[in-house]
């Protein structure tokens, strides 16, 4: 879901000491799954975990503010350039 930036099955390097900035890619642990996603927060405090590939927009995850403690950010994906913001939502 992060193609073309991170091809399916590829390895990514993660800085566990750095949290990703908004719309950067991060590694998240949510509902017993480890996910590589971009993220953003809306006006209500809902956390959105977003695939970079618009073909996978159906895999967006919205976590309401009261449930955000169920999602753990494991770190920021190290990438040589800034990822573009998704054009969907």
N, C-alpha and C. Protein backbone atom coordinates (compact mmCIF):
# COMPACT_ATOMS: atom_id res chain seq x y z
N UNK A 1 0.81 -1.22 0.00
CA UNK A 1 0.00 0.00 0.00
C UNK A 1 0.85 1.27 0.00
N UNK A 2 2.18 1.12 0.10
CA UNK A 2 3.05 2.29 0.09
C UNK A 2 3.81 2.42 -1.23
N UNK A 3 3.45 1.61 -2.22
CA UNK A 3 4.07 1.75 -3.54
C UNK A 3 3.64 3.06 -4.18
N UNK A 4 4.40 3.68 -4.98
CA UNK A 4 5.67 3.25 -5.55
C UNK A 4 6.88 3.61 -4.70
N UNK A 5 6.68 4.22 -3.55
CA UNK A 5 7.81 4.66 -2.73
C UNK A 5 8.51 3.49 -2.05
N UNK A 6 7.75 2.54 -1.57
CA UNK A 6 8.29 1.35 -0.93
C UNK A 6 7.62 0.14 -1.58
N UNK A 7 8.30 -0.52 -2.52
CA UNK A 7 7.70 -1.67 -3.19
C UNK A 7 7.30 -2.76 -2.20
N UNK A 8 6.24 -3.46 -2.53
CA UNK A 8 5.73 -4.53 -1.68
C UNK A 8 6.84 -5.54 -1.37
N UNK A 9 7.02 -5.85 -0.10
CA UNK A 9 8.02 -6.81 0.32
C UNK A 9 9.40 -6.23 0.55
N UNK A 10 9.58 -4.94 0.29
CA UNK A 10 10.91 -4.34 0.49
C UNK A 10 11.15 -4.05 1.97
N UNK A 11 12.41 -3.90 2.31
CA UNK A 11 12.80 -3.54 3.67
C UNK A 11 12.83 -2.02 3.78
N UNK A 12 12.48 -1.51 4.95
CA UNK A 12 12.60 -0.08 5.21
C UNK A 12 13.44 0.10 6.47
N UNK A 13 14.12 1.21 6.54
CA UNK A 13 14.89 1.55 7.72
C UNK A 13 14.06 2.50 8.57
N UNK A 14 14.09 2.26 9.87
CA UNK A 14 13.23 3.00 10.79
C UNK A 14 14.07 3.58 11.91
N UNK A 15 13.82 4.84 12.22
CA UNK A 15 14.43 5.47 13.39
C UNK A 15 13.43 5.39 14.53
N UNK A 16 13.72 4.54 15.50
CA UNK A 16 12.83 4.38 16.65
C UNK A 16 12.90 5.59 17.58
N UNK A 17 13.94 6.40 17.43
CA UNK A 17 14.09 7.56 18.31
C UNK A 17 13.44 8.82 17.74
N UNK A 18 12.86 8.70 16.56
CA UNK A 18 12.25 9.86 15.91
C UNK A 18 10.81 9.54 15.52
N UNK A 19 9.90 10.41 15.91
CA UNK A 19 8.50 10.27 15.48
C UNK A 19 8.35 10.91 14.11
N UNK A 20 7.51 10.32 13.26
CA UNK A 20 7.33 10.92 11.93
C UNK A 20 6.54 12.22 12.02
N UNK A 21 6.90 13.17 11.17
CA UNK A 21 6.11 14.39 11.04
C UNK A 21 4.82 14.04 10.31
N UNK A 22 3.85 14.93 10.40
CA UNK A 22 2.58 14.69 9.74
C UNK A 22 2.81 14.48 8.24
N UNK A 23 2.17 13.46 7.70
CA UNK A 23 2.26 12.99 6.31
C UNK A 23 3.57 12.29 5.99
N UNK A 24 4.48 12.13 6.94
CA UNK A 24 5.64 11.27 6.76
C UNK A 24 5.21 9.82 6.96
N UNK A 25 6.03 8.90 6.51
CA UNK A 25 5.75 7.48 6.73
C UNK A 25 6.28 7.06 8.10
N UNK A 26 5.50 6.27 8.76
CA UNK A 26 5.90 5.71 10.05
C UNK A 26 5.53 4.25 10.11
N UNK A 27 6.04 3.59 11.13
CA UNK A 27 5.67 2.20 11.40
C UNK A 27 4.77 2.23 12.62
N UNK A 28 3.58 1.66 12.48
CA UNK A 28 2.57 1.70 13.53
C UNK A 28 2.15 0.28 13.89
N UNK A 29 1.91 0.07 15.17
CA UNK A 29 1.37 -1.20 15.66
C UNK A 29 -0.06 -0.93 16.07
N UNK A 30 -1.00 -1.55 15.36
CA UNK A 30 -2.42 -1.32 15.64
C UNK A 30 -3.20 -2.60 15.37
N UNK A 31 -4.01 -3.00 16.33
CA UNK A 31 -4.83 -4.20 16.24
C UNK A 31 -4.00 -5.43 15.83
N UNK A 32 -2.88 -5.60 16.51
CA UNK A 32 -1.99 -6.74 16.32
C UNK A 32 -1.37 -6.81 14.92
N UNK A 33 -1.29 -5.66 14.24
CA UNK A 33 -0.65 -5.60 12.93
C UNK A 33 0.40 -4.50 12.95
N UNK A 34 1.49 -4.74 12.23
CA UNK A 34 2.51 -3.72 12.03
C UNK A 34 2.26 -3.14 10.65
N UNK A 35 2.07 -1.81 10.60
CA UNK A 35 1.69 -1.13 9.37
C UNK A 35 2.69 -0.04 9.02
N UNK A 36 3.01 0.07 7.76
CA UNK A 36 3.79 1.20 7.25
C UNK A 36 2.79 2.11 6.58
N UNK A 37 2.63 3.32 7.13
CA UNK A 37 1.63 4.25 6.62
C UNK A 37 2.07 5.69 6.82
N UNK A 38 1.53 6.57 6.00
CA UNK A 38 1.60 7.99 6.28
C UNK A 38 0.51 8.27 7.30
N UNK A 39 0.64 9.38 7.98
CA UNK A 39 -0.38 9.67 8.99
C UNK A 39 -0.73 11.15 8.96
N UNK A 40 -1.91 11.44 9.48
CA UNK A 40 -2.32 12.82 9.73
C UNK A 40 -3.39 12.80 10.82
N UNK A 41 -3.66 13.96 11.34
CA UNK A 41 -4.68 14.11 12.38
C UNK A 41 -5.67 15.17 11.90
N UNK A 42 -6.95 14.91 12.09
CA UNK A 42 -7.94 15.91 11.67
C UNK A 42 -8.34 16.81 12.83
N UNK A 43 -9.26 17.73 12.58
CA UNK A 43 -9.65 18.73 13.56
C UNK A 43 -10.25 18.13 14.83
N UNK A 44 -10.80 16.93 14.74
CA UNK A 44 -11.42 16.30 15.91
C UNK A 44 -10.44 15.46 16.72
N UNK A 45 -9.20 15.35 16.23
CA UNK A 45 -8.20 14.54 16.92
C UNK A 45 -8.14 13.11 16.43
N UNK A 46 -8.91 12.78 15.40
CA UNK A 46 -8.87 11.44 14.83
C UNK A 46 -7.55 11.25 14.09
N UNK A 47 -6.91 10.12 14.34
CA UNK A 47 -5.65 9.76 13.69
C UNK A 47 -5.98 8.97 12.43
N UNK A 48 -5.42 9.38 11.30
CA UNK A 48 -5.64 8.68 10.03
C UNK A 48 -4.32 8.06 9.59
N UNK A 49 -4.34 6.76 9.37
CA UNK A 49 -3.20 6.03 8.82
C UNK A 49 -3.50 5.79 7.35
N UNK A 50 -2.67 6.36 6.48
CA UNK A 50 -2.98 6.45 5.05
C UNK A 50 -1.97 5.70 4.19
N UNK A 51 -2.45 4.85 3.27
CA UNK A 51 -1.54 4.27 2.28
C UNK A 51 -1.09 5.36 1.31
N UNK A 52 0.12 5.28 0.83
CA UNK A 52 0.62 6.27 -0.15
C UNK A 52 0.02 6.02 -1.52
N UNK A 53 -0.37 4.81 -1.80
CA UNK A 53 -0.90 4.44 -3.11
C UNK A 53 -2.42 4.65 -3.12
N UNK A 54 -2.93 5.55 -3.97
CA UNK A 54 -4.38 5.80 -4.00
C UNK A 54 -5.21 4.57 -4.35
N UNK A 55 -4.61 3.58 -5.01
CA UNK A 55 -5.35 2.36 -5.32
C UNK A 55 -5.77 1.61 -4.06
N UNK A 56 -5.12 1.92 -2.93
CA UNK A 56 -5.42 1.24 -1.67
C UNK A 56 -6.12 2.17 -0.68
N UNK A 57 -6.81 3.18 -1.18
CA UNK A 57 -7.49 4.12 -0.29
C UNK A 57 -8.51 3.43 0.61
N UNK A 58 -8.99 2.26 0.20
CA UNK A 58 -9.93 1.52 1.04
C UNK A 58 -9.26 0.93 2.28
N UNK A 59 -7.94 1.03 2.35
CA UNK A 59 -7.19 0.53 3.52
C UNK A 59 -6.83 1.64 4.50
N UNK A 60 -7.41 2.82 4.31
CA UNK A 60 -7.21 3.91 5.28
C UNK A 60 -7.80 3.47 6.62
N UNK A 61 -7.14 3.86 7.67
CA UNK A 61 -7.61 3.53 9.02
C UNK A 61 -7.82 4.83 9.77
N UNK A 62 -9.01 5.01 10.32
CA UNK A 62 -9.32 6.19 11.12
C UNK A 62 -9.48 5.74 12.57
N UNK A 63 -8.69 6.33 13.46
CA UNK A 63 -8.71 5.96 14.88
C UNK A 63 -9.19 7.18 15.66
N UNK A 64 -10.42 7.12 16.19
CA UNK A 64 -10.95 8.26 16.95
C UNK A 64 -10.08 8.59 18.16
N UNK A 65 -10.09 9.84 18.54
CA UNK A 65 -9.24 10.32 19.62
C UNK A 65 -9.32 9.46 20.89
N UNK A 66 -10.52 9.05 21.35
CA UNK A 66 -10.57 8.24 22.58
C UNK A 66 -9.89 6.87 22.46
N UNK A 67 -9.64 6.40 21.23
CA UNK A 67 -9.04 5.07 21.02
C UNK A 67 -7.60 5.14 20.55
N UNK A 68 -7.05 6.34 20.47
CA UNK A 68 -5.69 6.48 19.94
C UNK A 68 -4.63 5.78 20.76
N UNK A 69 -4.90 5.54 22.03
CA UNK A 69 -3.90 4.84 22.85
C UNK A 69 -3.75 3.38 22.43
N UNK A 70 -4.60 2.89 21.55
CA UNK A 70 -4.49 1.52 21.03
C UNK A 70 -3.51 1.44 19.87
N UNK A 71 -3.03 2.57 19.40
CA UNK A 71 -2.09 2.62 18.29
C UNK A 71 -0.74 3.10 18.81
N UNK A 72 0.30 2.36 18.49
CA UNK A 72 1.64 2.70 18.93
C UNK A 72 2.51 3.01 17.72
N UNK A 73 3.15 4.17 17.73
CA UNK A 73 4.09 4.51 16.66
C UNK A 73 5.45 3.95 17.05
N UNK A 74 6.01 3.10 16.20
CA UNK A 74 7.29 2.46 16.47
C UNK A 74 8.47 3.27 15.95
N UNK A 75 8.19 4.28 15.11
CA UNK A 75 9.27 5.12 14.62
C UNK A 75 8.98 5.67 13.24
N UNK A 76 9.90 6.46 12.77
CA UNK A 76 9.80 7.13 11.48
C UNK A 76 10.59 6.36 10.43
N UNK A 77 9.96 6.15 9.27
CA UNK A 77 10.65 5.50 8.16
C UNK A 77 11.66 6.48 7.58
N UNK A 78 12.89 6.05 7.41
CA UNK A 78 13.94 6.89 6.84
C UNK A 78 13.86 6.79 5.33
N UNK A 79 13.73 7.94 4.69
CA UNK A 79 13.57 8.00 3.24
C UNK A 79 14.29 9.24 2.75
N UNK A 80 14.88 9.17 1.56
CA UNK A 80 15.74 10.26 1.10
C UNK A 80 14.99 11.53 0.71
N UNK A 81 13.67 11.46 0.58
CA UNK A 81 12.91 12.67 0.24
C UNK A 81 11.58 12.69 0.98
N UNK A 82 10.95 13.83 0.96
CA UNK A 82 9.65 14.00 1.61
C UNK A 82 8.58 13.33 0.74
N UNK A 83 7.74 12.53 1.36
CA UNK A 83 6.65 11.91 0.62
C UNK A 83 5.57 12.94 0.33
N UNK A 84 4.96 12.88 -0.85
CA UNK A 84 3.87 13.81 -1.12
C UNK A 84 2.63 13.46 -0.29
N UNK A 85 1.83 14.46 0.00
CA UNK A 85 0.58 14.20 0.71
C UNK A 85 -0.34 13.40 -0.21
N UNK A 86 -1.06 12.44 0.36
CA UNK A 86 -2.04 11.72 -0.47
C UNK A 86 -3.07 12.71 -1.03
N UNK A 87 -3.51 12.45 -2.24
CA UNK A 87 -4.47 13.34 -2.89
C UNK A 87 -5.91 12.90 -2.65
N UNK A 88 -6.11 11.91 -1.84
CA UNK A 88 -7.44 11.41 -1.51
C UNK A 88 -7.65 11.54 -0.02
N UNK A 89 -8.87 11.29 0.45
CA UNK A 89 -9.24 11.17 1.86
C UNK A 89 -10.68 11.30 2.04
